[in-house]
């Protein structure tokens, strides 16, 4: 009987039956590709399952993986989920307090880590949380158990019938616990079932063009976006290749020449900026043709007429063919998520023959809610809903969704689950949006303060602000960075404290306005920010700031009567300063690289 995929691990038998290949999932390490065939991958996953079962693991046990993208990540994932274990992915750059919280909250029994650095980081935390926690490493690490011990033990085991364990796993069983930072900053464990993911990749696969052969992957698998996309690739028989790192993407793209990859808008912006720099360096007629092509691309529309398409054909031959070659030459589709994509950029990439499917979703929605695709796309929106999913806009503008994509709930937090999913099954996204033409979702705002950087990372500003305000020199601070490369801050200094600091340092205090531009003062504030950032992940830390001279007040409109920050108003009032700060940072970076 042909395999039907109803649980995530069914993808292995499905691939063995339909698309067996020599290069199933491959990863690059130290410049060398390590390739697993479908058979080799499946056998290794089965043996690892048996090794874990021998260790006493079983259905419902929590097993964590902390590693960058590599085939071993997926092997561990399948090994755990085919006997009904809960896979708990940990992002490699997590702060120690978050690792401690997750290991404790999830009650993790076994932890796979990538290398020596991560092993040294988690070992003391693991021992403090649970002396019985078993840690295995993917790389050979002195003094650590290598994961091959489990695989070898599993291969030699007798009497373990994996089929019996698989049969006991239902589509509604939990597949994974993914921890996301809540508004309060305390991570919440999102319980996603096999059915959540299976329905999500089957209904997302429908919109992806057929005939894809290979894909490059570089976004973190510990986030649900890339993990679901990799399941989708496997469902479509696409070979997956993991880039070695973000620094090697250009070389890895040329090596793999992929038909597809998923990305965050930030990377597409970088690609575009590089191409534009080359265009500006051209001279004469070549430069003219280049910018004529770009201007044409900016006018791209799905329903363009024959004359436009005729001109576009010329532009593609003369200019955009080179753009395609920069991305390997074989791109059929690019999937973008994690942050808002500039509509102008989307038009240009579509016109260049590399369509970008922009979608929207959350960890709690497995993740896809909506996505633009060939048959149904509208620039400036995140597309129509996928099959089996509903969206409605609440009276206050909040986007609500219901369907096979909505999580089972937050682990051990029925109170938070009841807040997020109402009695009619609608999940409250905390995003504000509208439906354009009744079907294309457009996200316009965040209901609460948490923001996402251009790299798709969530940042909870209040936690950072509270930490930075521990400095006596800071009166008020607001952390910002929605859709920006990095978080930054607006700071109102405590001028009294600043005056006494200046006196101590023998710095003549003139006016507030002059002092906020003084290099020694700026250096001192930079130090305060660095000190306050220590407990946070790299992506959360404030990289740039501006010192303001005017105090914030209720009367001035910066505070509510409860003294909460009116973020929108503060952003609006300081718009020019903020733009200048990010522009200066970009200019500084490009000067450094010249």
Protein backbone atom coordinates (compact mmCIF):
# COMPACT_ATOMS: atom_id res chain seq x y z
CA UNK A 1 0.00 0.00 0.00
CA UNK A 2 1.40 3.42 -0.92
CA UNK A 3 2.43 5.56 2.06
CA UNK A 4 0.15 8.42 2.99
CA UNK A 5 1.73 11.14 5.08
CA UNK A 6 -0.31 11.80 8.23
CA UNK A 7 2.58 12.09 10.71
CA UNK A 8 5.86 13.86 10.07
CA UNK A 9 8.01 10.70 10.19
CA UNK A 10 5.90 9.18 7.37
CA UNK A 11 8.02 11.44 5.12
CA UNK A 12 10.89 8.94 5.40
CA UNK A 13 9.00 5.91 4.04
CA UNK A 14 7.28 8.21 1.55
CA UNK A 15 10.69 9.30 0.21
CA UNK A 16 12.13 5.77 0.17
CA UNK A 17 9.12 4.70 -1.88
CA UNK A 18 8.66 7.70 -4.21
CA UNK A 19 11.93 9.63 -4.48
CA UNK A 20 14.92 7.56 -3.25
CA UNK A 21 18.12 9.45 -4.06
CA UNK A 22 21.86 9.47 -3.39
CA UNK A 23 21.72 13.03 -2.08
CA UNK A 24 18.69 13.36 0.21
CA UNK A 25 19.91 15.86 2.83
CA UNK A 26 23.44 17.25 2.68
CA UNK A 27 25.39 19.62 4.90
CA UNK A 28 28.64 21.52 4.42
CA UNK A 29 31.30 21.61 7.09
CA UNK A 30 34.81 23.06 6.74
CA UNK A 31 34.20 23.47 3.02
CA UNK A 32 33.26 19.83 2.43
CA UNK A 33 29.77 18.48 1.68
CA UNK A 34 28.59 15.56 3.78
CA UNK A 35 25.83 13.82 1.88
CA UNK A 36 23.24 11.34 3.13
CA UNK A 37 21.29 9.14 0.71
CA UNK A 38 17.62 8.55 1.52
CA UNK A 39 18.40 5.00 2.64
CA UNK A 40 21.42 5.95 4.75
CA UNK A 41 19.49 8.81 6.39
CA UNK A 42 16.48 6.59 7.22
CA UNK A 43 18.63 3.77 8.61
CA UNK A 44 20.59 6.20 10.81
CA UNK A 45 17.34 7.76 12.10
CA UNK A 46 15.90 4.30 12.87
CA UNK A 47 19.04 3.23 14.73
CA UNK A 48 19.06 6.48 16.71
CA UNK A 49 15.40 5.87 17.63
CA UNK A 50 16.30 2.41 18.92
CA UNK A 51 19.30 3.79 20.82
CA UNK A 52 17.06 6.36 22.54
CA UNK A 53 14.42 3.72 23.35
CA UNK A 54 17.14 1.54 24.91
CA UNK A 55 18.07 4.55 27.02
CA UNK A 56 14.55 4.44 28.43
CA UNK A 57 13.04 7.22 26.30
CA UNK A 58 9.46 6.84 25.13
CA UNK A 59 6.32 8.59 23.95
CA UNK A 60 5.92 12.06 25.47
CA UNK A 61 9.55 12.36 26.64
CA UNK A 62 11.24 15.67 25.84
CA UNK A 63 14.48 15.53 23.86
CA UNK A 64 16.29 18.73 22.89
CA UNK A 65 18.59 19.57 19.97
CA UNK A 66 20.90 22.59 20.06
CA UNK A 67 22.73 22.95 16.78
CA UNK A 68 23.07 24.94 13.59
CA UNK A 69 21.53 23.46 10.42
CA UNK A 70 23.05 20.11 9.46
CA UNK A 71 21.64 16.70 8.39
CA UNK A 72 22.20 15.38 11.93
CA UNK A 73 19.63 17.91 13.19
CA UNK A 74 17.00 16.28 10.96
CA UNK A 75 18.12 12.75 11.81
CA UNK A 76 17.64 13.51 15.52
CA UNK A 77 14.27 15.14 14.72
CA UNK A 78 12.92 12.06 12.90
CA UNK A 79 14.47 9.67 15.43
CA UNK A 80 12.62 11.42 18.28
CA UNK A 81 9.29 12.01 16.57
CA UNK A 82 8.81 8.46 15.24
CA UNK A 83 8.40 7.04 18.74
CA UNK A 84 6.26 9.98 19.90
CA UNK A 85 8.95 11.97 21.74
CA UNK A 86 8.65 15.77 21.86
CA UNK A 87 11.51 17.43 19.99
CA UNK A 88 12.57 20.67 21.75
CA UNK A 89 14.79 22.74 19.42
CA UNK A 90 17.15 25.21 21.12
CA UNK A 91 18.59 28.11 19.17
CA UNK A 92 22.43 27.97 19.49
CA UNK A 93 22.77 31.62 20.57
CA UNK A 94 20.19 31.46 23.38
CA UNK A 95 21.12 33.30 26.57
CA UNK A 96 21.93 31.09 29.58
CA UNK A 97 18.83 32.07 31.56
CA UNK A 98 16.62 31.02 28.62
CA UNK A 99 18.41 27.66 28.26
CA UNK A 100 17.97 27.04 31.99
CA UNK A 101 14.28 27.97 31.86
CA UNK A 102 13.56 25.71 28.85
CA UNK A 103 15.47 22.67 30.19
CA UNK A 104 13.56 23.03 33.48
CA UNK A 105 10.14 23.87 32.08
CA UNK A 106 10.18 21.14 29.43
CA UNK A 107 11.82 18.58 31.71
CA UNK A 108 14.37 17.66 29.04
CA UNK A 109 15.91 14.16 29.49
CA UNK A 110 18.36 14.04 26.56
CA UNK A 111 20.13 16.92 24.84
CA UNK A 112 22.02 16.77 21.53
CA UNK A 113 24.51 19.60 21.00
CA UNK A 114 26.57 20.43 17.95
CA UNK A 115 30.14 21.03 19.08
CA UNK A 116 32.60 21.76 21.85
CA UNK A 117 31.58 25.41 22.28
CA UNK A 118 27.93 24.54 22.86
CA UNK A 119 28.82 21.53 24.99
CA UNK A 120 30.88 23.74 27.32
CA UNK A 121 28.07 26.32 27.41
CA UNK A 122 25.24 23.92 28.31
CA UNK A 123 27.01 21.32 30.46
CA UNK A 124 27.07 23.39 33.70
CA UNK A 125 23.50 24.62 33.09
CA UNK A 126 22.31 21.07 32.42
CA UNK A 127 24.00 19.70 35.53
CA UNK A 128 22.44 22.43 37.68
CA UNK A 129 18.95 21.81 36.29
CA UNK A 130 19.01 18.01 36.14
CA UNK A 131 22.02 15.87 37.18
CA UNK A 132 20.53 12.98 35.15
CA UNK A 133 20.39 14.96 31.87
CA UNK A 134 22.24 13.02 29.17
CA UNK A 135 24.19 15.13 26.67
CA UNK A 136 25.44 13.83 23.30
CA UNK A 137 27.46 15.76 20.70
CA UNK A 138 27.31 15.65 16.89
CA UNK A 139 31.02 16.54 16.59
CA UNK A 140 33.74 14.59 18.40
CA UNK A 141 34.29 16.50 21.67
CA UNK A 142 36.88 15.47 24.29
CA UNK A 143 35.18 14.26 27.46
CA UNK A 144 31.71 14.15 25.89
CA UNK A 145 29.51 11.29 24.64
CA UNK A 146 29.35 11.23 20.84
CA UNK A 147 25.90 10.60 19.36
CA UNK A 148 27.28 7.59 17.43
CA UNK A 149 27.22 5.68 20.75
CA UNK A 150 23.41 5.73 20.57
CA UNK A 151 23.33 4.92 16.84
CA UNK A 152 25.69 1.95 17.27
CA UNK A 153 23.76 0.67 20.28
CA UNK A 154 20.52 0.98 18.31
CA UNK A 155 21.99 -0.91 15.33
CA UNK A 156 22.98 -3.81 17.61
CA UNK A 157 19.72 -3.86 19.56
CA UNK A 158 17.40 -6.80 19.18
CA UNK A 159 13.72 -7.07 19.80
CA UNK A 160 12.85 -3.36 19.33
CA UNK A 161 10.03 -3.19 16.80
CA UNK A 162 9.95 0.42 15.64
CA UNK A 163 6.73 -0.18 13.74
CA UNK A 164 4.92 -0.80 17.04
CA UNK A 165 6.11 2.57 18.34
CA UNK A 166 5.22 4.35 15.09
CA UNK A 167 1.73 2.84 15.12
CA UNK A 168 1.11 4.31 18.58
CA UNK A 169 1.72 7.88 17.35
CA UNK A 170 -1.43 9.65 16.11
CA UNK A 171 -1.63 12.80 13.96
CA UNK A 172 -2.94 14.71 17.00
CA UNK A 173 0.05 13.82 19.18
CA UNK A 174 2.58 16.54 19.98
CA UNK A 175 5.53 16.62 17.60
CA UNK A 176 7.52 19.50 19.02
CA UNK A 177 7.75 22.07 21.78
CA UNK A 178 9.08 25.36 20.44
CA UNK A 179 9.79 28.08 22.97
CA UNK A 180 9.04 31.66 21.95
CA UNK A 181 9.65 34.75 24.04
CA UNK A 182 6.37 36.10 25.38
CA UNK A 183 5.51 39.77 25.97
CA UNK A 184 6.81 39.39 29.49
CA UNK A 185 9.96 37.84 28.10
CA UNK A 186 9.41 34.47 29.78
CA UNK A 187 9.54 31.87 26.99
CA UNK A 188 6.35 29.91 26.27
CA UNK A 189 6.46 26.35 24.95
CA UNK A 190 4.30 26.13 21.82
CA UNK A 191 2.93 22.59 21.38
CA UNK A 192 2.62 21.74 17.69
CA UNK A 193 1.22 18.38 16.62
CA UNK A 194 2.13 16.12 13.71
CA UNK A 195 -1.14 17.16 12.06
CA UNK A 196 -0.33 20.89 12.49
CA UNK A 197 2.86 20.47 10.48
CA UNK A 198 1.64 17.87 7.98
CA UNK A 199 -1.41 19.95 7.00
CA UNK A 200 0.76 23.05 6.85
CA UNK A 201 3.34 21.61 4.46
CA UNK A 202 0.80 19.75 2.31
CA UNK A 203 -1.36 22.87 1.88
CA UNK A 204 1.68 25.09 1.33
CA UNK A 205 3.19 22.64 -1.19
CA UNK A 206 0.15 23.09 -3.43
CA UNK A 207 1.20 26.67 -4.21
CA UNK A 208 4.89 25.84 -4.86
CA UNK A 209 5.75 25.12 -8.52
CA UNK A 210 6.29 21.45 -9.37
CA UNK A 211 9.58 20.13 -10.71
CA UNK A 212 11.93 21.56 -8.09
CA UNK A 213 14.97 19.34 -7.73
CA UNK A 214 17.13 20.97 -5.09
CA UNK A 215 16.99 23.70 -2.48
CA UNK A 216 19.51 25.55 -0.33
CA UNK A 217 18.68 26.11 3.33
CA UNK A 218 20.30 28.58 5.71
CA UNK A 219 17.61 30.00 8.01
CA UNK A 220 17.68 28.32 11.45
CA UNK A 221 15.84 24.99 11.70
CA UNK A 222 15.13 25.77 15.34
CA UNK A 223 12.53 28.26 14.04
CA UNK A 224 9.31 26.74 12.70
CA UNK A 225 9.48 28.63 9.37
CA UNK A 226 12.56 26.85 8.00
CA UNK A 227 11.67 23.53 9.63
CA UNK A 228 8.27 23.43 7.92
CA UNK A 229 9.86 24.45 4.60
CA UNK A 230 12.36 21.57 4.85
CA UNK A 231 9.47 19.14 5.52
CA UNK A 232 7.75 20.66 2.47
CA UNK A 233 10.88 20.07 0.34
CA UNK A 234 11.00 16.44 1.47
CA UNK A 235 7.29 16.03 0.72
CA UNK A 236 7.94 17.31 -2.83
CA UNK A 237 11.02 15.11 -3.37
CA UNK A 238 13.41 18.07 -3.33
CA UNK A 239 17.04 17.43 -2.26
CA UNK A 240 18.08 19.72 0.63
CA UNK A 241 21.53 21.30 1.02
CA UNK A 242 22.51 23.26 4.15
CA UNK A 243 24.79 26.23 3.63
CA UNK A 244 27.84 26.14 5.87
CA UNK A 245 27.10 29.55 7.37
CA UNK A 246 25.66 32.96 6.50
CA UNK A 247 29.18 33.99 5.40
CA UNK A 248 29.45 31.21 2.81
CA UNK A 249 26.00 31.62 1.22
CA UNK A 250 27.32 33.16 -2.01
CA UNK A 251 29.76 30.27 -2.58
CA UNK A 252 27.20 27.67 -1.49
CA UNK A 253 24.58 29.06 -3.90
CA UNK A 254 27.10 28.75 -6.75
CA UNK A 255 27.94 25.20 -5.66
CA UNK A 256 24.32 23.97 -5.33
CA UNK A 257 22.68 26.19 -8.00
CA UNK A 258 19.34 25.75 -6.20
CA UNK A 259 15.84 25.90 -7.65
CA UNK A 260 14.56 27.35 -4.38
CA UNK A 261 15.50 28.83 -1.02
CA UNK A 262 13.66 30.55 1.78
CA UNK A 263 14.91 33.78 3.23
CA UNK A 264 14.21 36.85 5.31
CA UNK A 265 13.85 40.18 3.45
CA UNK A 266 17.17 41.41 4.88
CA UNK A 267 19.13 39.00 2.69
CA UNK A 268 17.25 40.00 -0.47
CA UNK A 269 18.00 43.63 0.38
CA UNK A 270 21.71 42.79 0.62
CA UNK A 271 21.65 40.99 -2.74
CA UNK A 272 19.84 43.96 -4.31
CA UNK A 273 22.27 46.51 -2.77
CA UNK A 274 25.28 44.59 -4.14
CA UNK A 275 23.75 44.43 -7.62
CA UNK A 276 22.95 48.15 -7.54
CA UNK A 277 26.55 48.97 -6.53
CA UNK A 278 27.75 47.07 -9.61
CA UNK A 279 25.19 48.90 -11.74
CA UNK A 280 26.41 52.31 -10.52
CA UNK A 281 29.97 51.34 -11.48
CA UNK A 282 28.95 50.78 -15.12
CA UNK A 283 29.48 53.48 -17.74
CA UNK A 284 27.92 54.64 -20.97
CA UNK A 285 25.21 52.63 -22.69
CA UNK A 286 25.61 49.67 -20.33
CA UNK A 287 24.74 51.88 -17.37
CA UNK A 288 21.78 53.32 -19.27
CA UNK A 289 20.40 49.84 -20.08
CA UNK A 290 20.93 48.70 -16.49
CA UNK A 291 18.90 51.54 -14.96
CA UNK A 292 16.25 51.38 -17.70
CA UNK A 293 15.77 47.71 -16.75
CA UNK A 294 15.50 48.50 -13.03
CA UNK A 295 12.96 51.28 -13.68
CA UNK A 296 10.96 48.85 -15.84
CA UNK A 297 11.08 46.21 -13.09
CA UNK A 298 9.71 48.69 -10.54
CA UNK A 299 6.52 48.90 -12.68
CA UNK A 300 6.05 45.12 -12.74
CA UNK A 301 2.50 43.89 -12.29
CA UNK A 302 1.08 40.35 -12.46
CA UNK A 303 -1.25 41.44 -15.24
CA UNK A 304 1.17 43.45 -17.39
CA UNK A 305 0.26 43.78 -21.08
CA UNK A 306 2.14 42.43 -24.13
CA UNK A 307 4.20 45.59 -24.76
CA UNK A 308 5.48 45.68 -21.18
CA UNK A 309 6.30 41.96 -21.37
CA UNK A 310 8.11 42.52 -24.69
CA UNK A 311 10.34 45.17 -23.04
CA UNK A 312 10.78 42.95 -19.98
CA UNK A 313 11.98 40.13 -22.24
CA UNK A 314 14.76 42.42 -23.51
CA UNK A 315 15.66 43.52 -19.95
CA UNK A 316 15.83 39.89 -18.80
CA UNK A 317 18.19 38.96 -21.65
CA UNK A 318 20.48 41.97 -21.25
CA UNK A 319 20.45 42.58 -17.49
CA UNK A 320 18.41 40.23 -15.33
CA UNK A 321 20.06 37.07 -16.64
CA UNK A 322 23.19 38.20 -14.76
CA UNK A 323 21.11 38.74 -11.59
CA UNK A 324 19.81 35.19 -11.93
CA UNK A 325 23.35 33.90 -12.34
CA UNK A 326 24.37 35.67 -9.11
CA UNK A 327 21.85 33.38 -7.38
CA UNK A 328 23.03 30.25 -9.18
CA UNK A 329 21.05 30.65 -12.40
CA UNK A 330 18.34 28.06 -11.63
CA UNK A 331 15.98 29.86 -9.23
CA UNK A 332 12.32 28.94 -9.74
CA UNK A 333 10.99 30.39 -6.49
CA UNK A 334 12.17 32.24 -3.37
CA UNK A 335 10.04 32.09 -0.21
CA UNK A 336 10.21 35.10 2.10
CA UNK A 337 8.94 35.37 5.64
CA UNK A 338 9.85 36.54 9.12
CA UNK A 339 9.48 40.26 8.41
CA UNK A 340 7.81 42.61 5.92
CA UNK A 341 9.22 42.63 2.39
CA UNK A 342 9.45 45.99 0.64
CA UNK A 343 6.84 45.83 -2.21
CA UNK A 344 9.25 47.62 -4.58
CA UNK A 345 11.84 44.89 -3.97
CA UNK A 346 9.21 42.19 -4.53
CA UNK A 347 8.26 43.69 -7.93
CA UNK A 348 11.91 43.90 -8.99
CA UNK A 349 12.66 40.25 -8.12
CA UNK A 350 9.49 39.02 -9.85
CA UNK A 351 10.37 41.08 -12.92
CA UNK A 352 13.91 39.67 -12.86
CA UNK A 353 12.41 36.16 -13.19
CA UNK A 354 12.96 35.17 -9.56
CA UNK A 355 9.51 35.35 -7.97
CA UNK A 356 9.42 35.88 -4.22
CA UNK A 357 6.47 34.26 -2.45
CA UNK A 358 5.88 36.36 0.65
CA UNK A 359 3.94 34.68 3.43
CA UNK A 360 2.81 35.29 6.98
CA UNK A 361 2.45 33.22 10.11
CA UNK A 362 3.60 32.62 13.66
CA UNK A 363 5.15 29.77 15.62
CA UNK A 364 1.68 29.17 17.09
CA UNK A 365 0.26 28.68 13.58
CA UNK A 366 2.77 26.06 12.35
CA UNK A 367 3.57 28.72 10.80
CA UNK A 368 1.84 29.52 7.49
CA UNK A 369 -1.47 31.38 7.54
CA UNK A 370 -1.25 33.15 4.17
CA UNK A 371 1.15 33.20 1.22
CA UNK A 372 1.42 34.92 -2.16
CA UNK A 373 1.97 32.55 -5.10
CA UNK A 374 1.79 32.36 -8.91
CA UNK A 375 -1.99 31.95 -9.13
CA UNK A 376 -2.83 34.46 -6.43
CA UNK A 377 -0.51 37.29 -5.45
CA UNK A 378 -0.72 40.97 -4.58
CA UNK A 379 2.31 43.12 -3.87
CA UNK A 380 2.29 44.85 -0.50
CA UNK A 381 0.27 42.03 1.09
CA UNK A 382 1.20 38.67 2.60
CA UNK A 383 -1.21 36.87 0.28
CA UNK A 384 -4.40 34.81 0.59
CA UNK A 385 -4.99 32.08 3.19
CA UNK A 386 -3.85 28.52 2.48
CA UNK A 387 -6.49 25.76 2.25
CA UNK A 388 -8.05 24.72 5.55
CA UNK A 389 -7.24 28.03 7.24
CA UNK A 390 -9.55 30.96 7.98
CA UNK A 391 -8.73 34.57 8.79
CA UNK A 392 -10.97 37.29 10.14
CA UNK A 393 -10.30 40.80 11.38
CA UNK A 394 -11.59 41.55 14.90
CA UNK A 395 -13.36 44.79 15.77
CA UNK A 396 -10.08 46.31 17.02
CA UNK A 397 -8.25 45.33 13.81
CA UNK A 398 -6.50 42.28 15.25
CA UNK A 399 -5.88 39.40 12.85
CA UNK A 400 -7.55 36.17 14.04
CA UNK A 401 -7.00 32.76 12.47
CA UNK A 402 -8.55 29.32 12.81
CA UNK A 403 -7.87 25.94 11.22
CA UNK A 404 -5.50 22.97 11.11
CA UNK A 405 -2.57 25.33 11.67
CA UNK A 406 -3.44 26.46 15.21
CA UNK A 407 -1.25 24.98 17.96
CA UNK A 408 -2.47 22.54 20.61
CA UNK A 409 -1.60 25.15 23.24
CA UNK A 410 1.21 26.42 25.45
CA UNK A 411 2.97 23.70 27.44
CA UNK A 412 1.78 23.64 31.08
CA UNK A 413 0.13 27.05 30.59
CA UNK A 414 -3.60 26.56 30.18
CA UNK A 415 -4.12 30.15 31.32
CA UNK A 416 -2.05 31.56 28.43
CA UNK A 417 -3.63 29.11 25.98
CA UNK A 418 -7.12 30.32 26.96
CA UNK A 419 -5.98 33.93 26.40
CA UNK A 420 -4.58 33.14 22.94
CA UNK A 421 -7.29 30.80 21.58
CA UNK A 422 -10.89 31.83 22.22
CA UNK A 423 -13.82 29.45 22.79
CA UNK A 424 -14.62 29.41 19.06
CA UNK A 425 -11.11 28.24 18.20
CA UNK A 426 -9.83 31.59 16.87
CA UNK A 427 -6.16 32.24 17.61
CA UNK A 428 -5.41 35.90 18.40
CA UNK A 429 -2.21 36.87 16.56
CA UNK A 430 -1.66 40.26 18.27
CA UNK A 431 -0.99 41.67 14.80
CA UNK A 432 -3.18 44.39 13.32
CA UNK A 433 -4.21 43.94 9.71
CA UNK A 434 -6.79 44.28 6.96
CA UNK A 435 -8.09 42.17 4.11
CA UNK A 436 -7.51 43.86 0.76
CA UNK A 437 -10.18 42.98 -1.85
CA UNK A 438 -11.65 40.70 0.81
CA UNK A 439 -8.86 38.13 0.52
CA UNK A 440 -5.28 39.46 0.56
CA UNK A 441 -4.03 39.95 4.09
CA UNK A 442 -2.05 43.10 4.82
CA UNK A 443 -0.30 43.44 8.19
CA UNK A 444 -0.20 47.04 9.38
CA UNK A 445 1.00 46.96 12.98
CA UNK A 446 1.86 44.97 16.12
CA UNK A 447 -0.80 44.99 18.78
CA UNK A 448 1.76 44.70 21.53
CA UNK A 449 5.28 45.97 21.81
CA UNK A 450 7.38 42.98 20.75
CA UNK A 451 9.03 43.71 17.45
CA UNK A 452 10.83 41.75 14.79
CA UNK A 453 14.16 42.78 13.30
CA UNK A 454 14.82 42.55 9.56
CA UNK A 455 16.50 39.22 10.31
CA UNK A 456 13.16 37.87 11.57
CA UNK A 457 14.23 37.77 15.24
CA UNK A 458 11.75 38.73 17.95
CA UNK A 459 12.86 41.32 20.48
CA UNK A 460 10.91 42.11 23.68
CA UNK A 461 11.89 45.76 24.27
CA UNK A 462 10.51 46.08 27.80
CA UNK A 463 12.92 43.52 29.24
CA UNK A 464 15.87 45.31 27.68
CA UNK A 465 14.61 48.73 28.75
CA UNK A 466 14.17 47.61 32.34
CA UNK A 467 17.72 46.26 32.37
CA UNK A 468 19.27 49.38 30.81
CA UNK A 469 17.35 51.63 33.21
CA UNK A 470 19.34 50.05 36.05
CA UNK A 471 22.04 52.56 35.06
CA UNK A 472 21.81 55.78 37.11
CA UNK A 473 22.76 57.74 34.01
CA UNK A 474 19.61 56.69 32.13
CA UNK A 475 16.33 58.42 32.96
CA UNK A 476 14.17 57.00 30.15
CA UNK A 477 14.92 54.64 27.27
CA UNK A 478 12.97 53.18 24.38
CA UNK A 479 14.33 50.23 22.39
CA UNK A 480 13.22 50.07 18.75
CA UNK A 481 14.11 48.14 15.60
CA UNK A 482 11.00 46.82 13.86
CA UNK A 483 12.16 45.56 10.43
CA UNK A 484 15.61 47.10 11.00
CA UNK A 485 18.96 45.30 10.82
CA UNK A 486 19.50 45.65 14.58
CA UNK A 487 17.85 47.08 17.70
CA UNK A 488 18.69 50.65 18.67
CA UNK A 489 17.54 53.00 21.43
CA UNK A 490 16.44 56.53 22.19
CA UNK A 491 17.81 57.59 25.58
CA UNK A 492 16.87 60.51 27.81
CA UNK A 493 19.86 60.90 30.16
CA UNK A 494 19.54 61.56 33.88
CA UNK A 495 21.22 64.96 33.57
CA UNK A 496 21.83 65.39 37.30
CA UNK A 497 23.71 62.08 37.44
CA UNK A 498 25.54 62.99 34.23
CA UNK A 499 26.68 66.30 35.73
CA UNK A 500 28.20 64.60 38.76
CA UNK A 501 29.88 61.98 36.56
CA UNK A 502 31.40 64.78 34.44
CA UNK A 503 32.65 66.55 37.58
CA UNK A 504 34.33 63.33 38.78
CA UNK A 505 36.01 62.88 35.41
CA UNK A 506 37.14 66.50 35.20
CA UNK A 507 34.94 67.19 32.17
CA UNK A 508 33.62 70.76 32.00
CA UNK A 509 29.83 70.61 31.84
CA UNK A 510 28.51 73.26 29.43
CA UNK A 511 24.93 72.66 28.22
CA UNK A 512 22.82 69.50 27.99
CA UNK A 513 22.79 69.91 24.23
CA UNK A 514 26.59 70.02 23.98
CA UNK A 515 27.16 67.23 26.49
CA UNK A 516 25.05 64.66 24.61
CA UNK A 517 27.49 65.08 21.71
CA UNK A 518 30.66 64.89 23.83
CA UNK A 519 32.75 61.85 22.82
CA UNK A 520 33.63 60.86 26.40
CA UNK A 521 29.96 61.05 27.40
CA UNK A 522 28.91 58.98 24.38
CA UNK A 523 31.58 56.41 25.22
CA UNK A 524 30.29 56.21 28.80
CA UNK A 525 26.70 55.59 27.61
CA UNK A 526 27.97 53.00 25.16
CA UNK A 527 29.63 51.21 28.08
CA UNK A 528 26.37 51.34 30.06
CA UNK A 529 24.51 49.74 27.13
CA UNK A 530 27.20 47.05 26.69
CA UNK A 531 27.02 46.23 30.41
CA UNK A 532 23.23 46.04 30.33
CA UNK A 533 23.25 43.78 27.26
CA UNK A 534 25.26 40.92 28.77
CA UNK A 535 22.32 38.65 29.65
CA UNK A 536 20.63 38.95 26.27
CA UNK A 537 21.01 37.16 22.95
CA UNK A 538 23.16 38.92 20.31
CA UNK A 539 20.14 39.79 18.16
CA UNK A 540 18.40 41.54 21.09
CA UNK A 541 21.28 43.79 22.07
CA UNK A 542 21.14 47.52 21.29
CA UNK A 543 23.86 48.38 18.77
CA UNK A 544 23.29 52.14 18.35
CA UNK A 545 21.60 54.89 20.35
CA UNK A 546 20.77 58.60 20.34
CA UNK A 547 20.89 60.80 23.46
CA UNK A 548 17.94 63.21 23.63
CA UNK A 549 17.91 66.50 25.55
CA UNK A 550 14.16 66.91 26.03
CA UNK A 551 12.56 64.97 28.90
CA UNK A 552 9.53 62.78 28.21
CA UNK A 553 6.26 63.50 30.01
CA UNK A 554 2.53 62.81 30.11
CA UNK A 555 1.94 66.38 28.95
CA UNK A 556 4.41 66.01 26.10
CA UNK A 557 2.48 62.92 24.94
CA UNK A 558 5.34 60.44 25.41
CA UNK A 559 3.68 58.72 28.40
CA UNK A 560 0.23 57.37 29.16
CA UNK A 561 -1.25 58.34 32.56
CA UNK A 562 0.06 54.95 33.76
CA UNK A 563 3.53 56.07 32.61
CA UNK A 564 3.72 53.47 29.84
CA UNK A 565 5.65 54.57 26.78
CA UNK A 566 3.57 55.78 23.85
CA UNK A 567 5.89 54.14 21.38
CA UNK A 568 4.21 55.30 18.19
CA UNK A 569 4.31 58.94 19.27
CA UNK A 570 7.95 58.73 20.37
CA UNK A 571 8.88 57.11 17.04
CA UNK A 572 7.01 59.79 15.13
CA UNK A 573 8.60 62.67 17.07
CA UNK A 574 12.12 61.32 16.55
CA UNK A 575 11.69 59.99 13.03
CA UNK A 576 14.52 62.02 11.49
CA UNK A 577 16.99 61.20 14.27
CA UNK A 578 16.20 57.49 13.95
CA UNK A 579 16.64 57.50 10.16
CA UNK A 580 19.94 59.38 10.54
CA UNK A 581 21.17 56.89 13.18
CA UNK A 582 20.54 53.87 10.89
CA UNK A 583 21.93 55.69 7.86
CA UNK A 584 25.11 56.63 9.76
CA UNK A 585 25.47 53.00 10.89
CA UNK A 586 25.12 51.78 7.28
CA UNK A 587 27.56 54.44 5.99
CA UNK A 588 30.06 53.55 8.73
CA UNK A 589 29.78 49.87 7.80
CA UNK A 590 30.28 50.49 4.08
CA UNK A 591 33.28 52.81 4.78
CA UNK A 592 34.83 50.03 6.87
CA UNK A 593 34.44 47.57 3.99
CA UNK A 594 35.75 49.83 1.26
